[in-house]
Protein backbone atom coordinates (compact mmCIF):
# COMPACT_ATOMS: atom_id res chain seq x y z
CA MET A 1 92.51 138.61 123.11
CA GLU A 2 93.66 141.85 122.18
CA GLN A 3 96.83 141.38 124.50
CA ALA A 4 97.26 137.63 122.87
CA GLY A 5 97.76 138.89 119.40
CA LEU A 6 100.16 141.75 120.41
CA ASN A 7 102.08 139.02 121.71
CA TYR A 8 101.56 136.79 119.06
CA ASP A 9 104.64 136.12 116.63
CA GLY A 10 103.12 134.75 113.54
CA LYS A 11 105.55 131.65 113.92
CA LEU A 12 102.89 128.98 114.21
CA ALA A 13 102.44 127.13 111.35
CA VAL A 14 99.18 127.99 110.49
CA ASP A 15 98.16 129.68 107.56
CA ASN A 16 94.79 131.18 105.94
CA ARG A 17 93.46 127.59 104.75
CA ASP A 18 93.60 126.26 108.57
CA VAL A 19 91.46 129.27 110.43
CA ALA A 20 89.36 129.22 107.61
CA LEU A 21 88.90 125.50 108.05
CA VAL A 22 87.70 125.68 111.83
CA PHE A 23 85.36 128.07 111.24
CA GLU A 24 83.72 125.72 108.43
CA ARG A 25 83.86 123.12 111.02
CA ILE A 26 82.10 124.81 113.64
CA ALA A 27 79.69 126.35 111.14
CA ASP A 28 79.05 122.74 110.22
CA LEU A 29 78.79 121.55 113.89
CA LEU A 30 76.02 124.57 114.52
CA GLU A 31 73.77 123.86 111.80
CA PHE A 32 73.75 120.07 112.89
CA ASN A 33 72.20 120.93 116.07
CA ASP A 34 70.33 123.09 114.58
CA GLU A 35 71.66 126.51 115.86
CA ASN A 36 70.65 129.99 114.77
CA PRO A 37 70.79 130.04 110.49
CA PHE A 38 72.37 133.69 111.06
CA LYS A 39 75.11 132.65 113.39
CA VAL A 40 75.87 129.57 110.90
CA ARG A 41 76.18 131.62 108.22
CA SER A 42 78.71 134.38 109.51
CA TYR A 43 81.12 131.61 110.84
CA ARG A 44 80.24 130.05 106.82
CA LEU A 45 81.28 133.95 105.91
CA ALA A 46 84.35 134.50 107.86
CA ALA A 47 85.51 131.29 106.49
CA GLU A 48 85.35 132.04 102.86
CA THR A 49 86.66 135.67 103.54
CA ILE A 50 89.45 134.05 105.25
CA GLU A 51 90.17 131.59 102.29
CA GLY A 52 90.45 134.50 99.84
CA MET A 53 92.47 136.73 101.65
CA SER A 54 95.97 136.92 99.94
CA GLU A 55 97.08 138.48 102.74
CA SER A 56 98.62 136.37 105.90
CA LEU A 57 95.89 136.36 108.19
CA ALA A 58 98.77 135.47 111.30
CA GLU A 59 100.69 137.70 110.53
CA ARG A 60 97.81 140.86 110.27
CA ALA A 61 97.72 139.49 113.63
CA ALA A 62 100.54 139.64 114.84
CA ARG A 63 100.78 143.13 113.37
CA GLY A 64 97.59 144.80 114.73
CA GLY A 65 95.97 141.91 117.15
CA ALA A 66 92.12 142.03 117.26
CA SER A 67 91.88 145.43 116.43
CA GLU A 68 93.84 145.34 112.91
CA LEU A 69 91.45 141.96 112.58
CA GLN A 70 87.90 143.61 112.94
CA LYS A 71 88.67 145.60 109.21
CA ILE A 72 88.13 142.85 107.47
CA PRO A 73 84.33 142.40 106.39
CA GLY A 74 82.34 139.94 108.10
CA ILE A 75 85.05 139.79 110.82
CA GLY A 76 83.79 141.52 114.18
CA LYS A 77 84.82 140.95 117.93
CA THR A 78 83.95 136.99 118.52
CA ILE A 79 85.15 135.95 115.22
CA SER A 80 88.45 138.36 115.41
CA GLY A 81 89.07 136.92 119.15
CA GLN A 82 88.82 133.43 117.94
CA ILE A 83 91.50 133.95 115.01
CA LEU A 84 94.36 135.34 117.65
CA GLU A 85 93.51 131.90 119.48
CA ILE A 86 93.73 130.21 116.11
CA VAL A 87 96.31 131.77 114.66
CA SER A 88 98.41 130.95 118.46
CA THR A 89 97.51 127.71 119.09
CA GLY A 90 95.35 125.54 115.85
CA THR A 91 92.37 125.81 117.29
CA SER A 92 89.65 127.75 119.70
CA ALA A 93 88.02 127.33 123.35
CA TYR A 94 84.69 127.62 121.38
CA PHE A 95 85.68 125.00 118.82
CA GLU A 96 86.55 122.83 121.17
CA GLN A 97 83.59 123.43 123.35
CA LEU A 98 81.61 122.10 120.27
CA ARG A 99 83.48 119.04 119.84
CA GLU A 100 82.60 118.23 123.01
CA GLU A 101 79.38 118.05 122.40
CA THR A 102 79.11 116.14 119.37
CA PRO A 103 81.74 114.25 117.94
CA GLU A 104 83.26 116.11 115.12
CA THR A 105 82.95 112.71 113.30
CA VAL A 106 79.37 113.12 112.80
CA LEU A 107 80.19 116.05 110.09
CA ASP A 108 81.41 113.51 107.61
CA LEU A 109 78.71 111.78 107.26
CA ARG A 110 77.72 113.82 105.26
CA ARG A 111 80.29 113.39 102.59
CA VAL A 112 78.33 110.58 101.46
CA SER A 113 75.93 110.34 98.71
CA GLY A 114 72.35 109.65 99.61
CA VAL A 115 73.09 111.58 103.67
CA GLY A 116 71.96 114.91 104.07
CA LEU A 117 71.68 116.60 106.98
CA LYS A 118 68.44 115.03 107.99
CA THR A 119 69.81 111.88 107.64
CA SER A 120 73.20 112.12 109.51
CA GLN A 121 70.98 114.05 112.29
CA LEU A 122 69.03 110.64 112.10
CA LEU A 123 71.91 108.31 112.45
CA TYR A 124 73.13 110.29 114.61
CA ARG A 125 70.38 110.63 117.25
CA GLU A 126 68.55 107.30 117.07
CA PHE A 127 71.60 104.83 115.74
CA GLY A 128 74.69 106.45 117.27
CA VAL A 129 76.63 106.25 113.96
CA THR A 130 79.32 109.42 115.01
CA SER A 131 81.30 108.44 111.85
CA LEU A 132 82.33 106.92 108.18
CA GLU A 133 83.77 103.89 109.98
CA GLU A 134 80.73 103.21 111.71
CA LEU A 135 78.87 104.13 108.75
CA LYS A 136 80.33 101.31 107.38
CA ALA A 137 79.89 98.79 109.75
CA PHE A 138 76.14 100.31 110.04
CA ALA A 139 75.52 99.75 106.03
CA GLU A 140 77.46 96.52 106.05
CA GLY A 141 75.09 94.59 108.44
CA ASP A 142 71.94 96.05 106.75
CA GLY A 143 71.38 99.27 109.48
CA LEU A 144 70.74 101.21 107.08
CA LEU A 145 67.43 99.65 106.06
CA SER A 146 65.93 100.28 109.25
CA VAL A 147 66.58 103.94 108.91
CA ALA A 148 63.44 106.04 108.21
CA GLY A 149 63.20 107.18 104.72
CA LEU A 150 65.86 105.19 103.18
CA GLY A 151 64.88 103.24 99.96
CA GLU A 152 66.92 100.25 98.94
CA LYS A 153 68.15 102.71 95.77
CA THR A 154 69.64 105.00 98.39
CA VAL A 155 71.06 102.56 100.81
CA GLU A 156 72.81 100.69 97.81
CA ARG A 157 74.47 104.45 96.58
CA ILE A 158 74.98 105.15 100.52
CA LYS A 159 77.19 101.91 100.22
CA LYS A 160 78.98 103.00 96.91
CA SER A 161 79.88 106.26 97.95
CA LEU A 162 81.45 104.75 101.02
CA ALA A 163 83.70 102.88 98.67
CA ARG A 164 84.62 105.71 96.86
CA ILE A 165 85.48 107.88 100.02
CA GLU A 166 87.84 105.22 101.35
CA SER A 167 89.25 104.84 97.58
CA GLU A 168 90.37 108.66 98.52
CA ARG A 169 91.95 108.62 101.38
CA GLY A 170 94.91 110.47 102.11
CA PHE A 171 94.39 112.73 98.87
CA LEU A 172 94.53 116.49 98.85
CA ARG A 173 92.13 118.54 96.36
CA LEU A 174 95.19 120.17 93.51
CA ASN A 175 94.49 123.41 95.20
CA ASP A 176 95.44 122.12 98.80
CA ALA A 177 98.48 120.16 97.35
CA THR A 178 99.36 123.44 95.18
CA GLU A 179 99.43 125.29 98.36
CA LEU A 180 101.72 122.95 100.36
CA ALA A 181 103.92 122.04 97.34
CA ARG A 182 104.31 125.49 96.99
CA SER A 183 104.83 126.19 101.48
CA ILE A 184 107.31 123.31 101.02
CA VAL A 185 109.21 124.89 97.79
CA ASP A 186 109.51 128.42 99.21
CA ARG A 187 111.17 126.70 102.76
CA LEU A 188 113.57 125.50 100.23
CA VAL A 189 114.68 128.35 98.44
CA GLU A 190 115.53 130.22 101.49
CA SER A 191 117.69 127.59 103.43
CA LEU A 192 119.72 127.82 100.04
CA ALA A 193 119.28 131.65 99.75
CA SER A 194 122.93 132.22 101.22
CA VAL A 195 124.76 128.91 99.46
CA PRO A 196 126.77 130.12 96.65
CA ALA A 197 126.51 128.96 93.29
CA GLY A 198 128.19 124.92 92.32
CA PRO A 199 131.47 124.73 90.28
CA SER A 200 129.49 125.20 86.88
CA GLY A 201 128.01 128.52 88.12
CA GLU A 202 124.78 127.74 88.18
CA SER A 203 122.07 128.48 91.50
CA PRO A 204 120.79 125.83 93.27
CA ARG A 205 116.93 125.30 91.26
CA ILE A 206 113.32 124.09 93.35
CA GLU A 207 110.19 123.25 91.46
CA ILE A 208 106.97 121.52 91.69
CA SER A 209 106.46 118.04 89.60
CA GLY A 210 104.58 114.91 89.54
CA GLN A 211 100.88 114.80 89.29
CA VAL A 212 101.03 118.46 91.26
CA ARG A 213 102.47 119.94 87.87
CA ARG A 214 100.20 117.75 85.56
CA GLY A 215 96.78 119.20 87.50
CA ARG A 216 95.43 115.94 88.62
CA GLU A 217 92.54 116.89 90.42
CA MET A 218 93.10 114.74 93.23
CA VAL A 219 96.45 114.35 94.61
CA ASP A 220 98.27 111.96 97.07
CA ARG A 221 101.46 112.39 96.26
CA ILE A 222 104.02 115.69 95.67
CA ASP A 223 107.23 115.44 94.03
CA ILE A 224 109.21 118.19 94.40
CA LEU A 225 112.80 118.19 92.55
CA ALA A 226 115.80 120.20 93.74
CA SER A 227 119.22 120.68 92.59
CA GLY A 228 122.00 122.03 94.80
CA PRO A 229 123.52 121.56 98.17
CA VAL A 230 122.42 118.16 99.33
CA ASP A 231 122.66 118.55 103.43
CA PRO A 232 121.05 121.74 103.37
CA LEU A 233 118.43 120.61 101.09
CA VAL A 234 117.12 117.41 103.69
CA ALA A 235 117.66 119.57 106.62
CA ALA A 236 114.87 121.87 105.63
CA PHE A 237 112.55 119.57 103.93
CA THR A 238 112.91 117.31 107.12
CA SER A 239 112.12 119.88 109.27
CA SER A 240 108.82 121.47 107.40
CA GLY A 241 105.99 122.22 110.04
CA GLN A 242 103.71 120.97 107.89
CA LEU A 243 105.63 117.24 107.44
CA THR A 244 105.16 114.73 110.64
CA GLN A 245 106.94 111.52 109.37
CA VAL A 246 109.89 111.20 107.67
CA LYS A 247 109.92 108.00 105.92
CA SER A 248 113.49 108.00 104.15
CA VAL A 249 116.16 109.93 103.66
CA ARG A 250 118.76 109.23 100.90
CA PRO A 251 121.19 111.52 99.13
CA ASP A 252 118.97 111.41 96.05
CA ARG A 253 115.51 110.95 97.45
CA VAL A 254 113.84 111.79 100.66
CA GLU A 255 110.34 110.31 101.27
CA ALA A 256 108.08 111.79 104.12
CA ARG A 257 104.37 111.84 105.01
CA THR A 258 101.53 114.76 106.01
CA LEU A 259 99.07 114.67 108.77
CA LYS A 260 96.60 114.03 106.41
CA GLY A 261 98.38 111.05 104.74
CA THR A 262 99.85 112.79 101.83
CA THR A 263 103.24 111.07 100.58
CA VAL A 264 105.71 113.90 99.95
CA ILE A 265 109.10 113.30 97.87
CA LEU A 266 112.26 115.49 97.30
CA HIS A 267 114.20 114.38 94.76
CA ILE A 268 117.49 115.60 94.66
CA VAL A 269 119.73 115.63 91.50
CA ASP A 270 123.07 117.12 89.85
CA ALA A 271 122.82 119.95 87.86
CA ASP A 272 123.28 118.45 84.17
CA ASP A 273 120.33 116.12 85.41
CA TYR A 274 117.94 118.67 85.86
CA TRP A 275 115.68 118.62 83.36
CA ALA A 276 116.03 114.67 81.95
CA ALA A 277 115.25 114.50 85.70
CA MET A 278 112.46 116.39 85.49
CA VAL A 279 110.58 115.27 82.57
CA ARG A 280 110.58 112.05 84.33
CA THR A 281 109.21 112.87 87.70
CA THR A 282 106.33 114.72 86.16
CA GLY A 283 105.26 111.90 83.98
CA SER A 284 102.59 109.47 85.09
CA VAL A 285 104.59 106.02 85.63
CA GLU A 286 102.68 104.99 81.92
CA HIS A 287 104.02 108.20 80.44
CA VAL A 288 107.76 107.36 81.91
CA ARG A 289 107.68 103.51 80.05
CA ASP A 290 106.19 104.98 76.86
CA LEU A 291 109.10 107.81 76.45
CA GLU A 292 111.69 104.49 77.47
CA ALA A 293 110.66 102.63 74.46
CA GLN A 294 111.09 105.30 72.59
CA ILE A 295 114.90 105.67 74.03
CA GLU A 296 114.90 102.36 73.88
CA GLU A 297 114.00 102.24 69.94
CA ARG A 298 116.19 105.01 68.98
CA GLY A 299 119.58 103.08 70.93
CA ILE A 300 120.40 106.47 73.07
CA ARG A 301 120.90 107.41 76.29
CA ILE A 302 119.99 110.83 78.22
CA LYS A 303 121.82 112.10 81.04
CA GLY A 304 119.55 111.80 84.44
CA PHE A 305 117.04 109.75 82.80
CA LYS A 306 117.23 106.68 84.45
CA PRO A 307 115.10 103.72 83.59
CA THR A 308 112.42 102.81 86.08
CA GLY A 309 114.03 98.77 85.50
CA ASP A 310 110.21 97.65 84.41
CA ASN A 311 110.79 98.50 80.83
CA ARG A 312 114.54 97.68 79.73
CA GLY A 313 114.59 94.15 78.37
CA ALA A 314 118.11 92.56 76.98
CA ARG A 315 119.73 96.10 78.68
CA ALA A 316 119.02 94.73 82.17
CA ARG A 317 120.77 91.71 81.50
CA LYS A 318 124.12 93.19 80.75
CA GLY A 319 124.69 94.08 83.66
CA ARG A 320 123.81 97.56 85.97
CA ARG A 321 127.39 98.80 86.25
CA ARG A 322 127.66 98.85 82.55
CA GLU A 323 124.35 100.48 81.87
CA GLU A 324 124.94 103.37 84.50
CA ALA A 325 128.80 104.01 82.49
CA ASP A 326 126.31 104.25 79.54
CA HIS A 327 123.75 106.57 81.40
CA GLU A 328 126.89 109.14 82.35
CA ARG A 329 127.77 109.08 78.67
CA GLY A 330 124.57 110.15 77.77
CA VAL A 331 123.32 113.43 76.13
CA ARG A 332 122.84 116.25 78.30
CA VAL A 333 119.80 118.33 77.72
CA GLU A 334 119.00 121.83 78.41
CA SER A 335 115.32 121.83 78.35
CA GLU A 336 111.99 120.04 78.51
CA GLU A 337 111.68 120.96 74.71
CA VAL A 338 115.04 119.06 74.00
CA PHE A 339 114.61 116.09 75.45
CA TYR A 340 111.34 115.62 73.64
CA ASN A 341 113.18 116.72 70.79
CA ALA A 342 116.15 114.41 70.72
CA LEU A 343 113.80 111.65 70.65
CA ASP A 344 111.90 112.93 67.55
CA LEU A 345 108.83 114.02 69.55
CA GLN A 346 106.59 117.40 70.12
CA TYR A 347 106.76 119.07 73.18
CA VAL A 348 104.37 116.92 75.79
CA PRO A 349 102.76 120.02 78.47
CA PRO A 350 102.89 118.54 81.62
CA GLU A 351 99.41 118.20 81.66
CA LEU A 352 99.00 115.37 79.17
CA ARG A 353 101.75 113.41 80.85
CA GLU A 354 99.29 110.90 82.10
CA GLY A 355 100.34 107.92 79.42
CA LEU A 356 96.90 108.01 77.49
CA GLY A 357 98.35 108.10 74.10
CA GLU A 358 99.75 111.49 73.62
CA ILE A 359 103.57 109.62 72.90
CA ALA A 360 101.49 108.57 69.81
CA VAL A 361 100.39 111.86 69.13
CA ALA A 362 103.32 113.75 69.70
CA ARG A 363 105.62 111.31 67.35
CA GLU A 364 103.57 112.97 64.43
CA THR A 365 103.56 116.19 65.98
CA ARG A 366 99.91 116.31 66.17
CA LEU A 367 99.57 117.29 69.76
CA PRO A 368 96.97 120.73 69.53
CA ARG A 369 98.08 124.12 70.93
CA LEU A 370 96.03 124.28 74.06
CA VAL A 371 94.58 126.98 76.03
CA THR A 372 96.36 129.28 78.47
CA LEU A 373 95.23 131.29 81.69
CA GLU A 374 96.59 134.48 79.47
CA GLU A 375 94.16 133.65 76.62
CA ILE A 376 91.04 133.73 79.22
CA ARG A 377 89.32 137.31 78.77
CA GLY A 378 86.64 137.01 80.89
CA ASP A 379 84.29 134.85 83.56
CA PHE A 380 80.66 133.81 83.02
CA HIS A 381 79.89 133.08 86.88
CA MET A 382 80.30 134.74 90.29
CA HIS A 383 78.00 135.69 92.57
CA THR A 384 77.79 138.78 95.25
CA THR A 385 76.01 140.01 98.34
CA TRP A 386 72.72 139.88 96.43
CA SER A 387 72.70 135.92 97.34
CA ASP A 388 75.80 134.21 98.63
CA GLY A 389 78.82 136.32 97.71
CA GLN A 390 81.07 138.33 100.26
CA ASN A 391 81.16 141.41 97.90
CA SER A 392 79.61 144.01 96.42
CA VAL A 393 78.59 144.36 92.47
CA ARG A 394 80.96 147.14 92.35
CA GLU A 395 83.49 145.28 93.71
CA MET A 396 83.55 141.94 91.68
CA ILE A 397 83.61 144.20 88.40
CA GLU A 398 87.01 146.01 90.35
CA ALA A 399 88.79 143.38 91.24
CA ALA A 400 88.09 141.47 87.12
CA ARG A 401 89.56 144.91 86.09
CA LEU A 402 92.47 144.39 88.33
CA ARG A 403 92.48 141.06 86.29
CA GLY A 404 92.42 142.96 82.84
CA TYR A 405 89.16 140.81 82.02
CA GLU A 406 86.98 142.44 79.15
CA TYR A 407 84.02 141.61 79.93
CA ILE A 408 82.28 139.78 83.24
CA SER A 409 78.13 138.74 84.19
CA ILE A 410 77.24 138.51 86.97
CA THR A 411 74.91 135.55 88.00
CA ASP A 412 73.26 135.42 90.98
CA HIS A 413 71.43 132.78 92.80
CA THR A 414 67.13 132.57 91.85
CA MET A 415 64.54 131.89 94.55
CA SER A 416 64.68 128.18 94.59
CA CYS A 417 68.66 127.95 96.07
CA LYS A 418 67.10 129.04 99.27
CA ILE A 419 70.07 128.17 101.15
CA ALA A 420 72.02 130.56 99.04
CA ASN A 421 69.90 133.74 99.59
CA GLY A 422 68.45 133.39 95.95
CA ASN A 423 66.35 136.43 94.50
CA THR A 424 62.98 136.34 93.50
CA PRO A 425 61.94 137.65 90.15
CA GLU A 426 61.20 141.12 92.36
CA GLU A 427 65.29 141.28 93.81
CA LEU A 428 66.34 139.79 90.58
CA LEU A 429 65.12 143.10 88.52
CA GLU A 430 66.81 145.19 91.46
CA GLU A 431 69.77 143.94 90.93
CA ILE A 432 69.73 144.41 87.18
CA GLU A 433 68.63 147.78 87.68
CA GLU A 434 72.02 147.94 89.85
CA ILE A 435 74.42 146.30 87.39
CA GLU A 436 72.73 148.82 84.86
CA THR A 437 73.79 152.20 86.97
CA VAL A 438 77.44 150.65 88.36
CA ALA A 439 78.42 149.21 85.17
CA ARG A 440 77.89 152.48 83.38
CA GLU A 441 80.87 153.78 85.79
CA PHE A 442 83.23 151.94 83.61
CA ASP A 443 84.30 152.13 80.01
CA ASP A 444 86.97 149.45 80.36
CA ILE A 445 84.96 146.39 81.18
CA ARG A 446 81.57 144.81 79.79
CA VAL A 447 78.85 143.42 82.28
CA LEU A 448 76.63 141.17 81.19
CA LYS A 449 73.23 141.07 83.62
CA GLY A 450 73.23 137.28 84.67
CA ALA A 451 71.60 134.88 86.96
CA GLU A 452 72.53 131.01 88.09
CA VAL A 453 69.11 130.08 87.28
CA ASP A 454 67.62 126.57 89.24
CA ILE A 455 66.72 123.62 86.74
CA LEU A 456 63.68 122.81 88.72
CA SER A 457 62.48 118.89 89.42
CA ASP A 458 60.49 119.33 86.08
CA GLY A 459 62.67 120.54 84.00
CA SER A 460 61.66 123.89 84.11
CA LEU A 461 63.58 127.28 85.21
CA ASP A 462 62.78 128.95 88.24
CA MET A 463 62.17 132.45 86.84
CA PRO A 464 59.70 133.44 85.09
CA ASN A 465 60.09 134.09 80.75
CA ASP A 466 60.08 137.88 81.21
CA VAL A 467 62.42 138.21 83.81
CA LEU A 468 64.90 135.59 82.02
CA ASP A 469 64.63 138.08 78.84
CA ARG A 470 66.05 140.64 80.55
CA LEU A 471 69.19 139.23 81.30
CA ASP A 472 72.29 138.91 78.93
CA TRP A 473 73.81 135.71 80.37
CA ILE A 474 71.76 132.83 82.21
CA VAL A 475 73.65 130.09 83.41
CA CYS A 476 71.39 127.24 84.27
CA SER A 477 72.50 124.81 87.22
CA ILE A 478 71.33 121.61 89.45
CA HIS A 479 70.81 122.46 93.26
CA SER A 480 68.52 120.12 94.91
CA GLY A 481 66.93 116.89 93.21
CA PHE A 482 70.29 114.96 93.57
CA ASN A 483 68.97 111.83 94.29
CA GLN A 484 66.30 111.74 91.66
CA GLU A 485 66.89 108.64 89.24
CA ARG A 486 69.52 108.66 86.18
CA GLN A 487 67.46 109.52 82.98
CA GLN A 488 64.79 111.35 85.23
CA ILE A 489 67.94 114.08 85.72
CA THR A 490 68.84 113.54 82.46
CA ASP A 491 65.31 114.45 80.67
CA ARG A 492 65.46 117.33 83.41
CA VAL A 493 68.62 118.88 82.16
CA ILE A 494 67.60 118.17 78.07
CA ARG A 495 63.95 119.92 79.12
CA ALA A 496 65.54 122.85 80.54
CA ILE A 497 68.51 123.37 78.48
CA GLU A 498 65.29 122.97 75.36
CA THR A 499 63.59 126.07 76.68
CA GLY A 500 66.42 128.14 74.53
CA TYR A 501 67.23 130.48 77.43
CA PRO A 502 70.18 128.70 79.02
CA ASN A 503 73.63 129.92 77.19
CA VAL A 504 75.59 127.39 80.04
CA PHE A 505 74.48 124.37 82.04
CA ALA A 506 77.20 124.88 85.06
CA HIS A 507 79.26 122.12 87.13
CA PRO A 508 77.28 119.34 85.32
CA THR A 509 77.49 116.58 87.56
CA GLY A 510 76.99 118.37 91.06
CA ARG A 511 80.00 116.89 92.66
CA VAL A 512 82.24 118.55 95.64
CA LEU A 513 86.07 116.94 95.61
CA GLY A 514 86.42 115.27 98.43
CA GLY A 515 82.49 115.95 99.58
CA ARG A 516 79.71 114.82 97.54
CA GLY A 517 80.22 112.34 94.63
CA PRO A 518 78.31 113.16 91.01
CA TYR A 519 74.35 112.31 90.86
CA GLU A 520 73.61 110.08 88.10
CA ILE A 521 73.46 112.00 85.03
CA ASP A 522 73.77 110.70 81.27
CA LEU A 523 76.28 113.27 79.95
CA GLU A 524 76.57 111.84 76.15
CA GLN A 525 72.35 113.17 76.17
CA VAL A 526 73.08 116.70 77.58
CA PHE A 527 76.21 116.92 75.31
CA GLN A 528 73.78 115.97 72.30
CA ALA A 529 71.38 118.64 74.00
CA ALA A 530 73.84 121.71 74.18
CA ILE A 531 74.94 121.00 70.85
CA GLU A 532 71.32 121.10 68.88
CA ASN A 533 70.06 123.94 71.72
CA ASP A 534 73.86 126.01 71.36
CA VAL A 535 74.34 125.54 74.99
CA ARG A 536 78.07 125.20 76.50
CA LEU A 537 79.16 123.41 79.40
CA GLU A 538 80.79 124.96 82.22
CA LEU A 539 83.56 123.53 83.53
CA ASN A 540 83.59 124.71 86.55
CA ALA A 541 87.05 126.19 87.93
CA SER A 542 86.52 125.84 91.83
CA PRO A 543 88.78 123.85 92.95
CA TYR A 544 86.42 122.05 95.25
CA ARG A 545 84.10 121.20 92.13
CA LEU A 546 86.43 121.05 88.66
CA ASP A 547 83.42 119.62 87.28
CA LEU A 548 83.17 118.78 84.12
CA ASN A 549 86.27 116.70 85.04
CA SER A 550 89.23 116.03 82.79
CA TYR A 551 88.07 113.15 80.91
CA TRP A 552 83.84 114.07 80.52
CA ALA A 553 85.24 117.58 79.02
CA GLY A 554 87.17 115.02 76.60
CA VAL A 555 84.67 113.48 75.56
CA ALA A 556 82.32 116.67 75.11
CA ARG A 557 85.35 118.45 73.15
CA GLN A 558 85.17 115.21 70.74
CA ALA A 559 81.75 115.28 70.38
CA GLY A 560 81.78 118.87 69.99
CA VAL A 561 80.42 120.38 72.57
CA GLY A 562 81.36 124.23 73.29
CA PHE A 563 82.73 125.34 76.73
CA VAL A 564 83.15 128.18 78.99
CA ILE A 565 85.57 127.87 82.00
CA SER A 566 84.21 130.01 84.96
CA THR A 567 85.28 130.03 88.97
CA ASP A 568 82.18 130.29 90.21
CA SER A 569 83.72 133.09 92.26
CA HIS A 570 81.14 133.94 95.87
CA GLN A 571 84.33 136.62 96.76
CA ALA A 572 86.89 138.57 94.64
CA GLY A 573 89.58 136.29 95.57
CA GLY A 574 87.65 133.69 94.09
CA PHE A 575 88.83 134.83 90.51
CA ALA A 576 92.38 133.12 91.02
CA ASN A 577 90.84 129.61 90.78
CA MET A 578 90.67 130.30 87.26
CA GLN A 579 93.76 128.71 87.32
CA TYR A 580 92.84 125.38 87.64
CA GLY A 581 90.05 125.78 85.62
CA VAL A 582 92.24 126.26 82.75
CA ILE A 583 95.01 123.30 83.77
CA THR A 584 91.63 120.93 83.72
CA ALA A 585 90.62 122.42 80.58
CA ARG A 586 94.31 121.79 79.15
CA ARG A 587 94.14 118.38 80.87
CA ALA A 588 90.81 117.64 78.08
CA TRP A 589 93.03 118.53 75.22
CA LEU A 590 90.62 122.20 74.99
CA THR A 591 92.27 124.71 72.58
CA ALA A 592 91.12 128.39 72.93
CA ASP A 593 88.78 127.56 70.10
CA HIS A 594 86.83 125.51 72.44
CA VAL A 595 86.29 128.27 74.90
CA LEU A 596 83.85 130.97 74.42
CA ASN A 597 85.38 133.00 77.51
CA THR A 598 89.01 133.33 75.07
CA LEU A 599 87.13 136.00 72.62
CA PRO A 600 87.64 139.10 71.99
CA LEU A 601 84.52 141.33 73.66
CA SER A 602 83.27 142.10 69.52
CA GLY A 603 83.08 137.76 69.31
CA LEU A 604 81.23 137.19 72.51
CA LEU A 605 78.92 140.23 71.79
CA SER A 606 78.07 138.75 68.31
CA GLU A 607 77.58 135.01 70.16
CA LEU A 608 75.36 136.59 72.80
CA GLU A 609 73.19 138.15 70.25
CA ARG A 610 73.07 135.05 67.58
CA LYS A 611 71.65 132.98 70.66
CA ARG A 612 68.82 135.68 71.38
CA ALA A 613 67.89 135.55 67.35
CA ALA A 614 67.55 131.75 67.81
CA ARG A 615 65.47 132.15 70.39
CA ARG A 616 62.91 134.61 69.39
CA GLY A 617 62.52 132.08 66.11
């Protein structure tokens, strides 16, 4: 295997996420087959470590083979050998062996709400259900009613979840779509590196637009806008290793598909039309139609902003040729700001361009100044090796300092979250001592002693009060009992909030994007309890969660709820996910005033003291 690594040239289109996914699936198959939990955990840790690396694993393998890979924490001889296989072939012999023994599609059963590990094993072993398609047919034939332990309500939940999963087919999570789009843009930029500037002296320009730029949490179409020579752009795009099927090729538009069925479109425009085209390709259909109505109302033409044809009224009847001529004589815009200003509109940030009333607000210049990534001063939710994280307390502090944060809170799991190696009261007290000791070595960052405390089925917290009193920051969350009735879960959360201890209720719906749906909960009741008890709602920035979503975050904002944006990092590299939390916050129209971790340290400490004083009564 070492020799294979030395011969590997790093040219196969396998990135860190691809390698991590293989190890995630290996861990899932091992767990499904009741293998040693420590073996399962070793593969999960390897996957998490690899996904969080900024350096290309393929390049590292090409540079030094297995010995170089084994310098990575948690990567030993066995896993390094498999990495070499994966970056060379896209898979490993061990993974293929596991897939021969157990159909990999059985793992998808756990994406269904109401189907946990034990139920998925039962469905496979007793009823021969091996895939979502087979589960859907089994459910439609009322086979679920014969499965031990599944009541009518659970069966109904499974059916609804199957319908949701079917509706998400072909979608990518925002982070995966962003990474894919960036890799395609990089390829296009590289292909034009030696192409001279055009007649007007402008260099080619290539950027992401569409759903990715708007920050939608699940993306079924990736749009890329380019100005430059058509032939090199088309050649580079259609030969991209990430694309498996080219659907159509025109001088101004090339459409292709990825292996997972996601549509990718390259829009090619003249340099003069670039910014108008950026507005058109970024906005949703509804947003663009609203803009067309503004253009129609003012009787103007903007060069590069070609109408869709659905909102042109009598103008369309005057003939396409005349319309094209009018368009060519239209006003040229040199930025998106100029475009909106030409329509007497306030500039609309990309995240708001969904056609949800933002144009009417922009007409009255009432759009808020949305929170930015640069305004985030700290992170309130992260895990270390004390529970299920991969880095030590010291390493997480150092990583936060590199991001320029003023403060963080270390929040490892507590004892009820056994799958995450949660701390007992005694272990948490030991961790508190370590945090205090290590934090004293740093004078440029404040480290809060925290914990992610489980909300038990009756609404109590799984840590005694005398231990909770030692903490600076308390995250409360649900990690079990997802199948409780709607009001039962709601009351459970409210009772936890009313204890006076939590600072924030984390990932409030429990969903996992592309996996587990949200549990049933009355969020509006929770919002009111949060306001009355000075508890923030978390906007979890993990791209696997983005919970609260932008809709419910908007509802919470209107109700007067305060927020924190946190990454729920399980490794130092996870801090980078803050970008996705901020994007989601912006989609919810949040400003810095809504977000606690935009406060300077002095302001934060005042808020924490006020909370403690209220609890003391």
